[in-house]
C-alpha atoms as a PDB file:
ATOM      1  CA  UNK A   1     -61.003-219.992  13.381  1.00  0.00           C
ATOM      2  CA  UNK A   2     -59.481-221.345  16.275  1.00  0.00           C
ATOM      3  CA  UNK A   3     -55.496-221.313  17.070  1.00  0.00           C
ATOM      4  CA  UNK A   4     -54.185-223.667  20.195  1.00  0.00           C
ATOM      5  CA  UNK A   5     -51.848-221.340  21.962  1.00  0.00           C
ATOM      6  CA  UNK A   6     -49.632-221.843  25.454  1.00  0.00           C
ATOM      7  CA  UNK A   7     -49.565-219.086  27.792  1.00  0.00           C
ATOM      8  CA  UNK A   8     -47.168-219.088  31.035  1.00  0.00           C
ATOM      9  CA  UNK A   9     -48.556-218.020  34.574  1.00  0.00           C
ATOM     10  CA  UNK A  10     -46.300-217.137  37.817  1.00  0.00           C
ATOM     11  CA  UNK A  11     -46.832-214.952  40.846  1.00  0.00           C
ATOM     12  CA  UNK A  12     -45.544-214.906  43.502  1.00  0.00           C
ATOM     13  CA  UNK A  13     -47.010-211.392  45.527  1.00  0.00           C
ATOM     14  CA  UNK A  14     -50.224-211.199  47.109  1.00  0.00           C
ATOM     15  CA  UNK A  15     -52.526-214.012  47.176  1.00  0.00           C
ATOM     16  CA  UNK A  16     -50.631-216.198  44.752  1.00  0.00           C
ATOM     17  CA  UNK A  17     -52.601-219.517  44.353  1.00  0.00           C
ATOM     18  CA  UNK A  18     -55.875-217.689  44.321  1.00  0.00           C
ATOM     19  CA  UNK A  19     -55.073-215.416  41.740  1.00  0.00           C
ATOM     20  CA  UNK A  20     -53.826-217.552  39.310  1.00  0.00           C
ATOM     21  CA  UNK A  21     -56.919-219.893  39.924  1.00  0.00           C
ATOM     22  CA  UNK A  22     -58.557-216.675  39.248  1.00  0.00           C
ATOM     23  CA  UNK A  23     -56.767-216.075  36.535  1.00  0.00           C
ATOM     24  CA  UNK A  24     -57.675-219.464  34.774  1.00  0.00           C
ATOM     25  CA  UNK A  25     -61.624-218.888  35.445  1.00  0.00           C
ATOM     26  CA  UNK A  26     -61.509-215.674  33.070  1.00  0.00           C
ATOM     27  CA  UNK A  27     -59.307-216.674  30.457  1.00  0.00           C
ATOM     28  CA  UNK A  28     -62.104-219.922  30.773  1.00  0.00           C
ATOM     29  CA  UNK A  29     -64.268-217.153  30.558  1.00  0.00           C
ATOM     30  CA  UNK A  30     -63.660-214.963  27.175  1.00  0.00           C
ATOM     31  CA  UNK A  31     -66.220-215.672  24.890  1.00  0.00           C
ATOM     32  CA  UNK A  32     -62.969-215.485  21.968  1.00  0.00           C
ATOM     33  CA  UNK A  33     -61.420-218.036  24.192  1.00  0.00           C
ATOM     34  CA  UNK A  34     -61.814-221.987  24.871  1.00  0.00           C
ATOM     35  CA  UNK A  35     -59.829-223.249  28.123  1.00  0.00           C
ATOM     36  CA  UNK A  36     -58.479-226.661  26.777  1.00  0.00           C
ATOM     37  CA  UNK A  37     -56.184-227.151  30.414  1.00  0.00           C
ATOM     38  CA  UNK A  38     -54.095-225.881  32.571  1.00  0.00           C
ATOM     39  CA  UNK A  39     -51.116-228.092  34.630  1.00  0.00           C
ATOM     40  CA  UNK A  40     -50.676-228.661  37.633  1.00  0.00           C
ATOM     41  CA  UNK A  41     -48.936-225.110  40.097  1.00  0.00           C
ATOM     42  CA  UNK A  42     -45.772-225.436  40.985  1.00  0.00           C
ATOM     43  CA  UNK A  43     -43.412-223.721  43.855  1.00  0.00           C
ATOM     44  CA  UNK A  44     -40.572-222.405  42.060  1.00  0.00           C
ATOM     45  CA  UNK A  45     -37.780-220.098  43.411  1.00  0.00           C
ATOM     46  CA  UNK A  46     -36.706-216.973  40.949  1.00  0.00           C
ATOM     47  CA  UNK A  47     -34.396-215.299  38.861  1.00  0.00           C
ATOM     48  CA  UNK A  48     -33.901-211.748  39.092  1.00  0.00           C
ATOM     49  CA  UNK A  49     -33.124-209.605  42.091  1.00  0.00           C
ATOM     50  CA  UNK A  50     -34.106-211.370  46.025  1.00  0.00           C
ATOM     51  CA  UNK A  51     -37.757-212.139  46.265  1.00  0.00           C
ATOM     52  CA  UNK A  52     -40.854-214.799  46.959  1.00  0.00           C
ATOM     53  CA  UNK A  53     -41.036-218.383  45.895  1.00  0.00           C
ATOM     54  CA  UNK A  54     -43.151-218.518  43.136  1.00  0.00           C
ATOM     55  CA  UNK A  55     -45.933-220.595  41.550  1.00  0.00           C
ATOM     56  CA  UNK A  56     -45.758-221.115  37.697  1.00  0.00           C
ATOM     57  CA  UNK A  57     -48.157-223.036  35.689  1.00  0.00           C
ATOM     58  CA  UNK A  58     -49.237-223.570  31.885  1.00  0.00           C
ATOM     59  CA  UNK A  59     -52.378-223.346  30.282  1.00  0.00           C
ATOM     60  CA  UNK A  60     -53.554-224.016  26.480  1.00  0.00           C
ATOM     61  CA  UNK A  61     -56.506-223.042  24.872  1.00  0.00           C
ATOM     62  CA  UNK A  62     -57.471-222.140  21.654  1.00  0.00           C
ATOM     63  CA  UNK A  63     -58.526-219.389  19.940  1.00  0.00           C
ATOM     64  CA  UNK A  64     -59.906-216.680  17.415  1.00  0.00           C
ATOM     65  CA  UNK A  65     -58.141-213.804  18.681  1.00  0.00           C
ATOM     66  CA  UNK A  66     -55.040-212.952  16.650  1.00  0.00           C
ATOM     67  CA  UNK A  67     -51.756-212.634  18.624  1.00  0.00           C
ATOM     68  CA  UNK A  68     -51.402-209.340  19.063  1.00  0.00           C
ATOM     69  CA  UNK A  69     -55.175-209.602  20.516  1.00  0.00           C
ATOM     70  CA  UNK A  70     -54.327-212.137  22.772  1.00  0.00           C
ATOM     71  CA  UNK A  71     -51.504-210.021  24.119  1.00  0.00           C
ATOM     72  CA  UNK A  72     -53.727-207.227  24.630  1.00  0.00           C
ATOM     73  CA  UNK A  73     -56.223-209.841  25.801  1.00  0.00           C
ATOM     74  CA  UNK A  74     -53.155-211.185  29.091  1.00  0.00           C
ATOM     75  CA  UNK A  75     -51.928-207.476  29.692  1.00  0.00           C
ATOM     76  CA  UNK A  76     -55.046-206.841  30.888  1.00  0.00           C
ATOM     77  CA  UNK A  77     -55.834-209.176  33.456  1.00  0.00           C
ATOM     78  CA  UNK A  78     -52.755-208.788  34.535  1.00  0.00           C
ATOM     79  CA  UNK A  79     -54.086-205.320  35.503  1.00  0.00           C
ATOM     80  CA  UNK A  80     -57.047-206.477  36.941  1.00  0.00           C
ATOM     81  CA  UNK A  81     -54.404-208.211  39.255  1.00  0.00           C
ATOM     82  CA  UNK A  82     -53.043-204.607  39.930  1.00  0.00           C
ATOM     83  CA  UNK A  83     -49.629-205.956  37.516  1.00  0.00           C
ATOM     84  CA  UNK A  84     -46.391-202.592  37.816  1.00  0.00           C
ATOM     85  CA  UNK A  85     -44.111-203.311  36.352  1.00  0.00           C
ATOM     86  CA  UNK A  86     -40.734-201.762  37.962  1.00  0.00           C
ATOM     87  CA  UNK A  87     -37.771-203.698  37.454  1.00  0.00           C
ATOM     88  CA  UNK A  88     -36.733-206.677  35.174  1.00  0.00           C
ATOM     89  CA  UNK A  89     -37.773-209.672  36.722  1.00  0.00           C
ATOM     90  CA  UNK A  90     -39.020-208.492  39.218  1.00  0.00           C
ATOM     91  CA  UNK A  91     -41.936-210.001  41.779  1.00  0.00           C
ATOM     92  CA  UNK A  92     -44.951-209.290  40.214  1.00  0.00           C
ATOM     93  CA  UNK A  93     -48.731-210.004  40.993  1.00  0.00           C
ATOM     94  CA  UNK A  94     -49.496-212.333  37.642  1.00  0.00           C
ATOM     95  CA  UNK A  95     -47.726-212.172  34.389  1.00  0.00           C
ATOM     96  CA  UNK A  96     -48.554-214.127  31.454  1.00  0.00           C
ATOM     97  CA  UNK A  97     -46.200-214.962  28.638  1.00  0.00           C
ATOM     98  CA  UNK A  98     -47.945-216.066  25.447  1.00  0.00           C
ATOM     99  CA  UNK A  99     -45.402-218.781  24.767  1.00  0.00           C
ATOM    100  CA  UNK A 100     -46.847-220.717  21.561  1.00  0.00           C
ATOM    101  CA  UNK A 101     -49.380-219.886  19.270  1.00  0.00           C
ATOM    102  CA  UNK A 102     -49.554-222.642  16.808  1.00  0.00           C
ATOM    103  CA  UNK A 103     -47.019-223.239  14.768  1.00  0.00           C
ATOM    104  CA  UNK A 104     -46.623-219.330  13.863  1.00  0.00           C
ATOM    105  CA  UNK A 105     -42.831-218.011  13.841  1.00  0.00           C
ATOM    106  CA  UNK A 106     -43.150-213.911  14.891  1.00  0.00           C
ATOM    107  CA  UNK A 107     -40.947-211.430  15.517  1.00  0.00           C
ATOM    108  CA  UNK A 108     -42.710-207.469  16.507  1.00  0.00           C
ATOM    109  CA  UNK A 109     -41.246-204.870  19.071  1.00  0.00           C
ATOM    110  CA  UNK A 110     -44.295-205.860  21.323  1.00  0.00           C
ATOM    111  CA  UNK A 111     -44.297-209.681  20.406  1.00  0.00           C
ATOM    112  CA  UNK A 112     -42.270-213.123  19.906  1.00  0.00           C
ATOM    113  CA  UNK A 113     -43.719-216.294  19.429  1.00  0.00           C
ATOM    114  CA  UNK A 114     -42.248-218.259  20.547  1.00  0.00           C
ATOM    115  CA  UNK A 115     -41.370-216.560  23.833  1.00  0.00           C
ATOM    116  CA  UNK A 116     -37.431-216.425  23.288  1.00  0.00           C
ATOM    117  CA  UNK A 117     -37.124-217.694  26.736  1.00  0.00           C
ATOM    118  CA  UNK A 118     -39.478-220.717  26.809  1.00  0.00           C
ATOM    119  CA  UNK A 119     -36.503-223.116  26.439  1.00  0.00           C
ATOM    120  CA  UNK A 120     -34.264-222.187  28.683  1.00  0.00           C
ATOM    121  CA  UNK A 121     -36.426-222.080  31.550  1.00  0.00           C
ATOM    122  CA  UNK A 122     -37.753-225.309  33.793  1.00  0.00           C
ATOM    123  CA  UNK A 123     -40.385-223.333  35.326  1.00  0.00           C
ATOM    124  CA  UNK A 124     -42.083-222.954  31.882  1.00  0.00           C
ATOM    125  CA  UNK A 125     -41.203-226.052  30.161  1.00  0.00           C
ATOM    126  CA  UNK A 126     -42.006-228.604  33.308  1.00  0.00           C
ATOM    127  CA  UNK A 127     -45.988-227.314  33.121  1.00  0.00           C
ATOM    128  CA  UNK A 128     -45.883-227.400  29.904  1.00  0.00           C
ATOM    129  CA  UNK A 129     -44.580-230.872  29.286  1.00  0.00           C
ATOM    130  CA  UNK A 130     -47.197-231.871  32.148  1.00  0.00           C
ATOM    131  CA  UNK A 131     -50.148-230.757  29.358  1.00  0.00           C
ATOM    132  CA  UNK A 132     -48.705-230.421  25.726  1.00  0.00           C
ATOM    133  CA  UNK A 133     -45.078-232.413  26.035  1.00  0.00           C
ATOM    134  CA  UNK A 134     -45.965-233.490  22.286  1.00  0.00           C
ATOM    135  CA  UNK A 135     -46.507-229.659  21.013  1.00  0.00           C
ATOM    136  CA  UNK A 136     -43.539-229.277  18.164  1.00  0.00           C
ATOM    137  CA  UNK A 137     -41.730-226.097  18.787  1.00  0.00           C
ATOM    138  CA  UNK A 138     -41.767-224.282  15.568  1.00  0.00           C
ATOM    139  CA  UNK A 139     -38.599-223.130  15.530  1.00  0.00           C
ATOM    140  CA  UNK A 140     -36.425-226.040  16.625  1.00  0.00           C
ATOM    141  CA  UNK A 141     -38.694-229.329  15.245  1.00  0.00           C
ATOM    142  CA  UNK A 142     -38.142-230.635  18.586  1.00  0.00           C
ATOM    143  CA  UNK A 143     -41.379-231.513  20.992  1.00  0.00           C
ATOM    144  CA  UNK A 144     -41.637-230.008  24.511  1.00  0.00           C
ATOM    145  CA  UNK A 145     -40.408-233.506  26.289  1.00  0.00           C
ATOM    146  CA  UNK A 146     -37.300-233.399  23.738  1.00  0.00           C
ATOM    147  CA  UNK A 147     -36.781-229.737  24.939  1.00  0.00           C
ATOM    148  CA  UNK A 148     -37.519-231.007  27.949  1.00  0.00           C
ATOM    149  CA  UNK A 149     -35.480-234.005  28.649  1.00  0.00           C
ATOM    150  CA  UNK A 150     -31.695-231.410  28.509  1.00  0.00           C
ATOM    151  CA  UNK A 151     -33.467-229.582  31.303  1.00  0.00           C
ATOM    152  CA  UNK A 152     -32.473-229.513  35.010  1.00  0.00           C
ATOM    153  CA  UNK A 153     -35.602-228.632  37.195  1.00  0.00           C
ATOM    154  CA  UNK A 154     -33.708-228.176  39.955  1.00  0.00           C
ATOM    155  CA  UNK A 155     -35.808-224.803  42.561  1.00  0.00           C
ATOM    156  CA  UNK A 156     -38.942-227.044  40.862  1.00  0.00           C
ATOM    157  CA  UNK A 157     -41.971-228.565  43.371  1.00  0.00           C
ATOM    158  CA  UNK A 158     -45.866-229.896  42.884  1.00  0.00           C
ATOM    159  CA  UNK A 159     -48.153-228.383  44.592  1.00  0.00           C
ATOM    160  CA  UNK A 160     -51.337-229.160  42.617  1.00  0.00           C
ATOM    161  CA  UNK A 161     -52.504-232.015  39.920  1.00  0.00           C
ATOM    162  CA  UNK A 162     -53.678-231.211  36.370  1.00  0.00           C
ATOM    163  CA  UNK A 163     -56.778-230.219  34.978  1.00  0.00           C
ATOM    164  CA  UNK A 164     -58.329-231.042  31.345  1.00  0.00           C
END
């Protein structure tokens, strides 16, 4: 059985746009993942310590993987690009977050679905809104578009086009 999922992608170290595009290709080639769409890339100002601007986007997938197995797949892809976790909200070659997994609500020590900070982050909701505006958040029962209407869009600049 396939489940629709949403992930966020971000990078601000190395050749970020190439890293993000390559990640999309890796996801699309995974035997248990179907890439449905991905947003354009946005250049965004960072949260946290001083660091370069980010490139962010989102993708919608369908997968037969469990949430935990999908998370492990995402972490493995991060490692392929040299992701090192040094400091909270620090710079990174690649950051992949599992945002939504169908309408699942899950809280374990290693995984929380929906992502607990996604509704506070325009750099997540803006690209997710491009490809999943009608997706209903399982906890708030409001669409991504409704959540977007409450956010400020400061520090976000469109860099590309939508691929579906």
